[in-house]
Amino acid sequence: MRSRLKEKIIAVCNKKIEQKGESVGLSFYAFFANKNDDPELLMEAATWWIGTHQLDHFEKAVKIKALVLNS
């Protein structure tokens, strides 16, 4: 995973956790704008989320952050 994507995921997770608490869930779409302005990065996130880790559509932000930090 590119460092740019890792940084984006961690920043979004931190923001969501700060706003809504440690039980907040999110999907990989949370890391992107409503319009698909970076399809290559979106596919990289989807492959990591679905293909590599076989995660559910919604997962806890703390879990995603830990996975990214440990990868």
Protein backbone atom coordinates (compact mmCIF):
# COMPACT_ATOMS: atom_id res chain seq x y z
CA MET A 1 0.00 0.00 0.00
CA ARG A 2 1.30 3.42 -0.93
CA SER A 3 2.34 5.71 1.90
CA ARG A 4 -0.11 8.33 0.60
CA LEU A 5 -3.01 5.91 1.09
CA LYS A 6 -1.75 4.80 4.52
CA GLU A 7 -1.53 8.42 5.67
CA LYS A 8 -5.01 9.16 4.35
CA ILE A 9 -6.54 6.11 6.08
CA ILE A 10 -4.90 6.91 9.41
CA ALA A 11 -5.98 10.57 9.23
CA VAL A 12 -9.59 9.66 8.45
CA CYS A 13 -9.66 7.01 11.19
CA ASN A 14 -8.25 9.49 13.72
CA LYS A 15 -10.81 12.11 12.74
CA LYS A 16 -13.76 9.71 12.93
CA ILE A 17 -12.60 8.29 16.27
CA GLU A 18 -12.19 11.80 17.66
CA GLN A 19 -15.65 12.85 16.43
CA LYS A 20 -17.67 9.74 17.28
CA GLY A 21 -15.63 7.60 19.66
CA GLU A 22 -13.78 4.32 19.42
CA SER A 23 -16.85 2.32 18.40
CA VAL A 24 -17.28 4.21 15.12
CA GLY A 25 -17.38 2.09 12.00
CA LEU A 26 -16.51 3.00 8.44
CA SER A 27 -16.11 1.55 4.98
CA PHE A 28 -13.23 2.05 2.57
CA TYR A 29 -15.37 4.64 0.79
CA ALA A 30 -14.83 6.94 3.81
CA PHE A 31 -11.34 7.66 2.49
CA PHE A 32 -12.60 9.19 -0.78
CA ALA A 33 -14.80 12.01 -2.01
CA ASN A 34 -18.28 11.21 -3.31
CA LYS A 35 -16.98 11.56 -6.84
CA ASN A 36 -14.40 9.09 -8.06
CA ASP A 37 -11.50 11.50 -8.55
CA ASP A 38 -8.73 8.91 -8.03
CA PRO A 39 -9.91 5.51 -9.32
CA GLU A 40 -6.46 3.91 -9.04
CA LEU A 41 -6.16 4.76 -5.34
CA LEU A 42 -9.77 3.67 -4.74
CA MET A 43 -9.03 0.28 -6.33
CA GLU A 44 -5.91 -0.06 -4.21
CA ALA A 45 -7.96 0.59 -1.06
CA ALA A 46 -10.70 -1.82 -2.19
CA THR A 47 -8.15 -4.55 -2.96
CA TRP A 48 -6.50 -4.09 0.44
CA TRP A 49 -9.87 -4.03 2.25
CA ILE A 50 -11.69 -6.82 0.40
CA GLY A 51 -9.03 -8.95 -1.29
CA THR A 52 -6.20 -8.88 1.21
CA HIS A 53 -8.05 -8.68 4.53
CA GLN A 54 -11.55 -9.91 3.57
CA LEU A 55 -13.12 -7.26 5.77
CA ASP A 56 -16.86 -6.62 6.09
CA HIS A 57 -18.35 -3.55 4.43
CA PHE A 58 -18.24 -1.66 7.74
CA GLU A 59 -15.42 -2.15 10.24
CA LYS A 60 -14.34 -0.32 13.38
CA ALA A 61 -12.01 2.58 12.65
CA VAL A 62 -9.66 1.45 15.44
CA LYS A 63 -9.32 -1.96 13.75
CA ILE A 64 -8.54 -0.42 10.35
CA LYS A 65 -6.02 1.97 11.87
CA ALA A 66 -4.27 -0.91 13.66
CA LEU A 67 -4.13 -2.98 10.47
CA VAL A 68 -2.57 -0.10 8.56
CA LEU A 69 -0.06 0.71 11.30
CA ASN A 70 1.00 -2.94 11.51
CA SER A 71 1.37 -3.46 7.76
